[in-house]
Amino acid sequence: MFAVIKTGGKQYTVAEDQTLRLGKLAAKEGEIVTFPVMVLGGDKPSIGAPLVSGALVAAEIVGHERGDKVIAFKKRRRKNSRRKRGYRDDFTLVRITEILTDGKQPSKTAKPRPQKAKAPKAEGEEKPAATKAKAKAAKPKEKSKKK
């Protein structure tokens, strides 16, 4: 199932467990925020006029970050006129936790993310940096004689 939400004057197509970079939201990390739904897709698609009644998208705030620096440089030739101005946008990283229909309310806390299992290491296996250091310690450098 997917949904189309509107926030910050823009529309986004979202699905569960998707991570988005939205315009800055006034919420702390770990909070759950909700967005109204404009279009619901999936088995039973529905289009809102302008919003789908009883539908919400719940998302967890992952963090706040800043975008890349954008530089606006203006130069008027032969007039010794140059203006350099730059800015960085503020963004909020959110993870979509639930797409709710039929007037359901979101859970108060975010569900835990599934942890990926790490591959087991072999017993004789070491880090490459450690083996290089041991090899260097074992062989002293020979000085070449030049005349």
C-alpha atoms as a PDB file:
ATOM      1  CA  MET A   1       0.000   0.000   0.000  1.00  0.00           C
ATOM      2  CA  PHE A   2       1.196   3.518  -0.736  1.00  0.00           C
ATOM      3  CA  ALA A   3      -0.102   7.003  -0.003  1.00  0.00           C
ATOM      4  CA  VAL A   4       0.439  10.533  -1.270  1.00  0.00           C
ATOM      5  CA  ILE A   5       0.984  13.071   1.508  1.00  0.00           C
ATOM      6  CA  LYS A   6       1.401  16.830   1.437  1.00  0.00           C
ATOM      7  CA  THR A   7       3.818  18.704   3.692  1.00  0.00           C
ATOM      8  CA  GLY A   8       5.782  21.891   3.261  1.00  0.00           C
ATOM      9  CA  GLY A   9       3.969  22.769   0.038  1.00  0.00           C
ATOM     10  CA  LYS A  10       5.185  19.580  -1.655  1.00  0.00           C
ATOM     11  CA  GLN A  11       3.622  16.184  -2.270  1.00  0.00           C
ATOM     12  CA  TYR A  12       5.379  12.878  -1.602  1.00  0.00           C
ATOM     13  CA  THR A  13       4.520   9.287  -2.502  1.00  0.00           C
ATOM     14  CA  VAL A  14       5.316   7.142   0.531  1.00  0.00           C
ATOM     15  CA  ALA A  15       5.248   3.495   1.600  1.00  0.00           C
ATOM     16  CA  GLU A  16       5.867   1.839   4.981  1.00  0.00           C
ATOM     17  CA  ASP A  17       9.482   1.715   6.274  1.00  0.00           C
ATOM     18  CA  GLN A  18      10.560   4.328   3.731  1.00  0.00           C
ATOM     19  CA  THR A  19      12.940   7.116   4.784  1.00  0.00           C
ATOM     20  CA  LEU A  20      12.288  10.645   3.488  1.00  0.00           C
ATOM     21  CA  ARG A  21      14.043  13.986   3.645  1.00  0.00           C
ATOM     22  CA  LEU A  22      11.384  16.653   4.221  1.00  0.00           C
ATOM     23  CA  GLY A  23      11.548  20.375   4.900  1.00  0.00           C
ATOM     24  CA  LYS A  24      12.266  21.185   8.534  1.00  0.00           C
ATOM     25  CA  LEU A  25       9.561  20.069  10.975  1.00  0.00           C
ATOM     26  CA  ALA A  26       9.188  21.417  14.507  1.00  0.00           C
ATOM     27  CA  ALA A  27       9.474  18.082  16.328  1.00  0.00           C
ATOM     28  CA  LYS A  28      12.154  16.313  18.351  1.00  0.00           C
ATOM     29  CA  GLU A  29      13.971  13.126  17.379  1.00  0.00           C
ATOM     30  CA  GLY A  30      12.004   9.978  18.187  1.00  0.00           C
ATOM     31  CA  GLU A  31       8.588  11.707  18.114  1.00  0.00           C
ATOM     32  CA  ILE A  32       5.722  10.424  16.005  1.00  0.00           C
ATOM     33  CA  VAL A  33       4.176  12.931  13.591  1.00  0.00           C
ATOM     34  CA  THR A  34       1.143  12.474  11.329  1.00  0.00           C
ATOM     35  CA  PHE A  35       0.418  13.707   7.832  1.00  0.00           C
ATOM     36  CA  PRO A  36      -2.946  13.951   6.054  1.00  0.00           C
ATOM     37  CA  VAL A  37      -3.422  11.685   3.031  1.00  0.00           C
ATOM     38  CA  MET A  38      -4.411  12.977  -0.405  1.00  0.00           C
ATOM     39  CA  VAL A  39      -4.416   9.654  -2.304  1.00  0.00           C
ATOM     40  CA  LEU A  40      -4.404   6.049  -1.100  1.00  0.00           C
ATOM     41  CA  GLY A  41      -3.185   3.352  -3.453  1.00  0.00           C
ATOM     42  CA  GLY A  42      -3.071  -0.421  -3.293  1.00  0.00           C
ATOM     43  CA  ASP A  43      -5.878  -2.988  -3.405  1.00  0.00           C
ATOM     44  CA  LYS A  44      -8.639  -0.397  -2.908  1.00  0.00           C
ATOM     45  CA  PRO A  45      -7.385   2.956  -4.216  1.00  0.00           C
ATOM     46  CA  SER A  46      -9.166   6.118  -3.114  1.00  0.00           C
ATOM     47  CA  ILE A  47      -8.694   9.741  -4.082  1.00  0.00           C
ATOM     48  CA  GLY A  48      -9.445  12.527  -1.654  1.00  0.00           C
ATOM     49  CA  ALA A  49     -11.220  15.776  -2.382  1.00  0.00           C
ATOM     50  CA  PRO A  50      -8.826  17.269  -1.190  1.00  0.00           C
ATOM     51  CA  LEU A  51      -8.055  14.713   1.570  1.00  0.00           C
ATOM     52  CA  VAL A  52      -9.065  11.089   2.125  1.00  0.00           C
ATOM     53  CA  SER A  53     -11.299  11.040   5.209  1.00  0.00           C
ATOM     54  CA  GLY A  54     -10.120   8.825   8.067  1.00  0.00           C
ATOM     55  CA  ALA A  55      -6.664   8.225   6.585  1.00  0.00           C
ATOM     56  CA  LEU A  56      -3.354   9.219   8.178  1.00  0.00           C
ATOM     57  CA  VAL A  57       0.317   8.515   7.652  1.00  0.00           C
ATOM     58  CA  ALA A  58       2.408   8.209  10.821  1.00  0.00           C
ATOM     59  CA  ALA A  59       6.146   8.853  10.706  1.00  0.00           C
ATOM     60  CA  GLU A  60       8.995   8.810  13.221  1.00  0.00           C
ATOM     61  CA  ILE A  61      11.486  11.684  13.297  1.00  0.00           C
ATOM     62  CA  VAL A  62      14.913  10.143  12.683  1.00  0.00           C
ATOM     63  CA  GLY A  63      16.956  13.339  12.822  1.00  0.00           C
ATOM     64  CA  HIS A  64      17.563  16.881  11.662  1.00  0.00           C
ATOM     65  CA  GLU A  65      20.274  17.777   9.154  1.00  0.00           C
ATOM     66  CA  ARG A  66      21.370  20.502   6.788  1.00  0.00           C
ATOM     67  CA  GLY A  67      21.685  20.267   3.038  1.00  0.00           C
ATOM     68  CA  ASP A  68      24.574  21.148   0.786  1.00  0.00           C
ATOM     69  CA  LYS A  69      25.713  24.729   0.507  1.00  0.00           C
ATOM     70  CA  VAL A  70      24.141  26.618  -2.399  1.00  0.00           C
ATOM     71  CA  ILE A  71      26.067  29.652  -3.609  1.00  0.00           C
ATOM     72  CA  ALA A  72      24.394  32.466  -5.558  1.00  0.00           C
ATOM     73  CA  PHE A  73      27.137  34.471  -7.271  1.00  0.00           C
ATOM     74  CA  LYS A  74      26.260  37.550  -9.323  1.00  0.00           C
ATOM     75  CA  LYS A  75      28.792  39.429 -11.414  1.00  0.00           C
ATOM     76  CA  ARG A  76      28.178  42.411 -13.611  1.00  0.00           C
ATOM     77  CA  ARG A  77      31.000  42.610 -16.083  1.00  0.00           C
ATOM     78  CA  ARG A  78      33.137  45.716 -16.419  1.00  0.00           C
ATOM     79  CA  LYS A  79      31.432  47.377 -13.434  1.00  0.00           C
ATOM     80  CA  ASN A  80      33.544  45.983 -10.564  1.00  0.00           C
ATOM     81  CA  SER A  81      30.332  44.570  -9.072  1.00  0.00           C
ATOM     82  CA  ARG A  82      30.298  41.116  -7.515  1.00  0.00           C
ATOM     83  CA  ARG A  83      27.923  39.652  -4.940  1.00  0.00           C
ATOM     84  CA  LYS A  84      28.381  36.260  -3.313  1.00  0.00           C
ATOM     85  CA  ARG A  85      25.609  34.888  -1.141  1.00  0.00           C
ATOM     86  CA  GLY A  86      25.082  31.363   0.108  1.00  0.00           C
ATOM     87  CA  TYR A  87      22.670  29.337   2.216  1.00  0.00           C
ATOM     88  CA  ARG A  88      21.989  25.814   3.425  1.00  0.00           C
ATOM     89  CA  ASP A  89      18.504  24.330   3.721  1.00  0.00           C
ATOM     90  CA  ASP A  90      17.396  22.621   6.927  1.00  0.00           C
ATOM     91  CA  PHE A  91      15.891  19.153   6.519  1.00  0.00           C
ATOM     92  CA  THR A  92      14.176  16.601   8.726  1.00  0.00           C
ATOM     93  CA  LEU A  93      14.758  12.889   8.159  1.00  0.00           C
ATOM     94  CA  VAL A  94      11.586  10.852   8.779  1.00  0.00           C
ATOM     95  CA  ARG A  95      10.807   7.136   8.560  1.00  0.00           C
ATOM     96  CA  ILE A  96       7.246   6.190   7.617  1.00  0.00           C
ATOM     97  CA  THR A  97       5.989   3.764  10.262  1.00  0.00           C
ATOM     98  CA  GLU A  98       2.292   3.256   9.440  1.00  0.00           C
ATOM     99  CA  ILE A  99      -0.317   4.059   6.821  1.00  0.00           C
ATOM    100  CA  LEU A 100      -3.645   4.121   8.678  1.00  0.00           C
ATOM    101  CA  THR A 101      -7.173   3.996   7.301  1.00  0.00           C
ATOM    102  CA  ASP A 102     -10.725   3.895   8.736  1.00  0.00           C
ATOM    103  CA  GLY A 103     -10.017   6.542  11.379  1.00  0.00           C
ATOM    104  CA  LYS A 104      -7.398   4.521  13.289  1.00  0.00           C
ATOM    105  CA  GLN A 105      -4.897   6.418  15.426  1.00  0.00           C
ATOM    106  CA  PRO A 106      -1.121   5.894  15.288  1.00  0.00           C
ATOM    107  CA  SER A 107       0.746   4.109  18.061  1.00  0.00           C
ATOM    108  CA  LYS A 108       2.403   6.418  20.589  1.00  0.00           C
ATOM    109  CA  THR A 109       5.887   4.920  20.176  1.00  0.00           C
ATOM    110  CA  ALA A 110       7.732   3.848  17.073  1.00  0.00           C
ATOM    111  CA  LYS A 111       8.044   0.144  16.450  1.00  0.00           C
ATOM    112  CA  PRO A 112      11.609  -1.156  16.740  1.00  0.00           C
ATOM    113  CA  ARG A 113      13.486  -1.572  13.487  1.00  0.00           C
ATOM    114  CA  PRO A 114      14.505  -5.147  12.630  1.00  0.00           C
ATOM    115  CA  GLN A 115      18.222  -5.682  13.232  1.00  0.00           C
ATOM    116  CA  LYS A 116      20.251  -7.307  10.481  1.00  0.00           C
ATOM    117  CA  ALA A 117      22.216 -10.384  11.550  1.00  0.00           C
ATOM    118  CA  LYS A 118      25.969 -10.039  11.233  1.00  0.00           C
ATOM    119  CA  ALA A 119      27.904 -12.699   9.348  1.00  0.00           C
ATOM    120  CA  PRO A 120      29.899 -14.938  11.711  1.00  0.00           C
ATOM    121  CA  LYS A 121      33.701 -14.633  11.474  1.00  0.00           C
ATOM    122  CA  ALA A 122      36.021 -17.591  11.139  1.00  0.00           C
ATOM    123  CA  GLU A 123      38.270 -18.264  14.141  1.00  0.00           C
ATOM    124  CA  GLY A 124      41.585 -17.800  12.305  1.00  0.00           C
ATOM    125  CA  GLU A 125      40.449 -14.647  10.525  1.00  0.00           C
ATOM    126  CA  GLU A 126      41.977 -11.322  11.594  1.00  0.00           C
ATOM    127  CA  LYS A 127      41.677  -7.762  10.442  1.00  0.00           C
ATOM    128  CA  PRO A 128      43.976  -6.911   7.505  1.00  0.00           C
ATOM    129  CA  ALA A 129      45.522  -3.921   9.328  1.00  0.00           C
ATOM    130  CA  ALA A 130      46.631  -6.122  12.219  1.00  0.00           C
ATOM    131  CA  THR A 131      48.348  -8.630   9.932  1.00  0.00           C
ATOM    132  CA  LYS A 132      50.274  -5.901   8.103  1.00  0.00           C
ATOM    133  CA  ALA A 133      51.535  -4.470  11.383  1.00  0.00           C
ATOM    134  CA  LYS A 134      52.719  -7.918  12.512  1.00  0.00           C
ATOM    135  CA  ALA A 135      54.481  -8.515   9.191  1.00  0.00           C
ATOM    136  CA  LYS A 136      56.314  -5.187   9.402  1.00  0.00           C
ATOM    137  CA  ALA A 137      57.421  -5.897  12.970  1.00  0.00           C
ATOM    138  CA  ALA A 138      58.807  -9.298  11.979  1.00  0.00           C
ATOM    139  CA  LYS A 139      61.005  -7.989   9.111  1.00  0.00           C
ATOM    140  CA  PRO A 140      63.469  -5.231   9.903  1.00  0.00           C
ATOM    141  CA  LYS A 141      64.229  -2.936   6.991  1.00  0.00           C
ATOM    142  CA  GLU A 142      67.553  -3.409   5.238  1.00  0.00           C
ATOM    143  CA  LYS A 143      69.438  -0.245   4.447  1.00  0.00           C
ATOM    144  CA  SER A 144      70.884  -0.015   0.985  1.00  0.00           C
ATOM    145  CA  LYS A 145      74.430   1.167   0.635  1.00  0.00           C
ATOM    146  CA  LYS A 146      75.012   3.690  -2.113  1.00  0.00           C
ATOM    147  CA  LYS A 147      78.408   5.210  -2.971  1.00  0.00           C
END
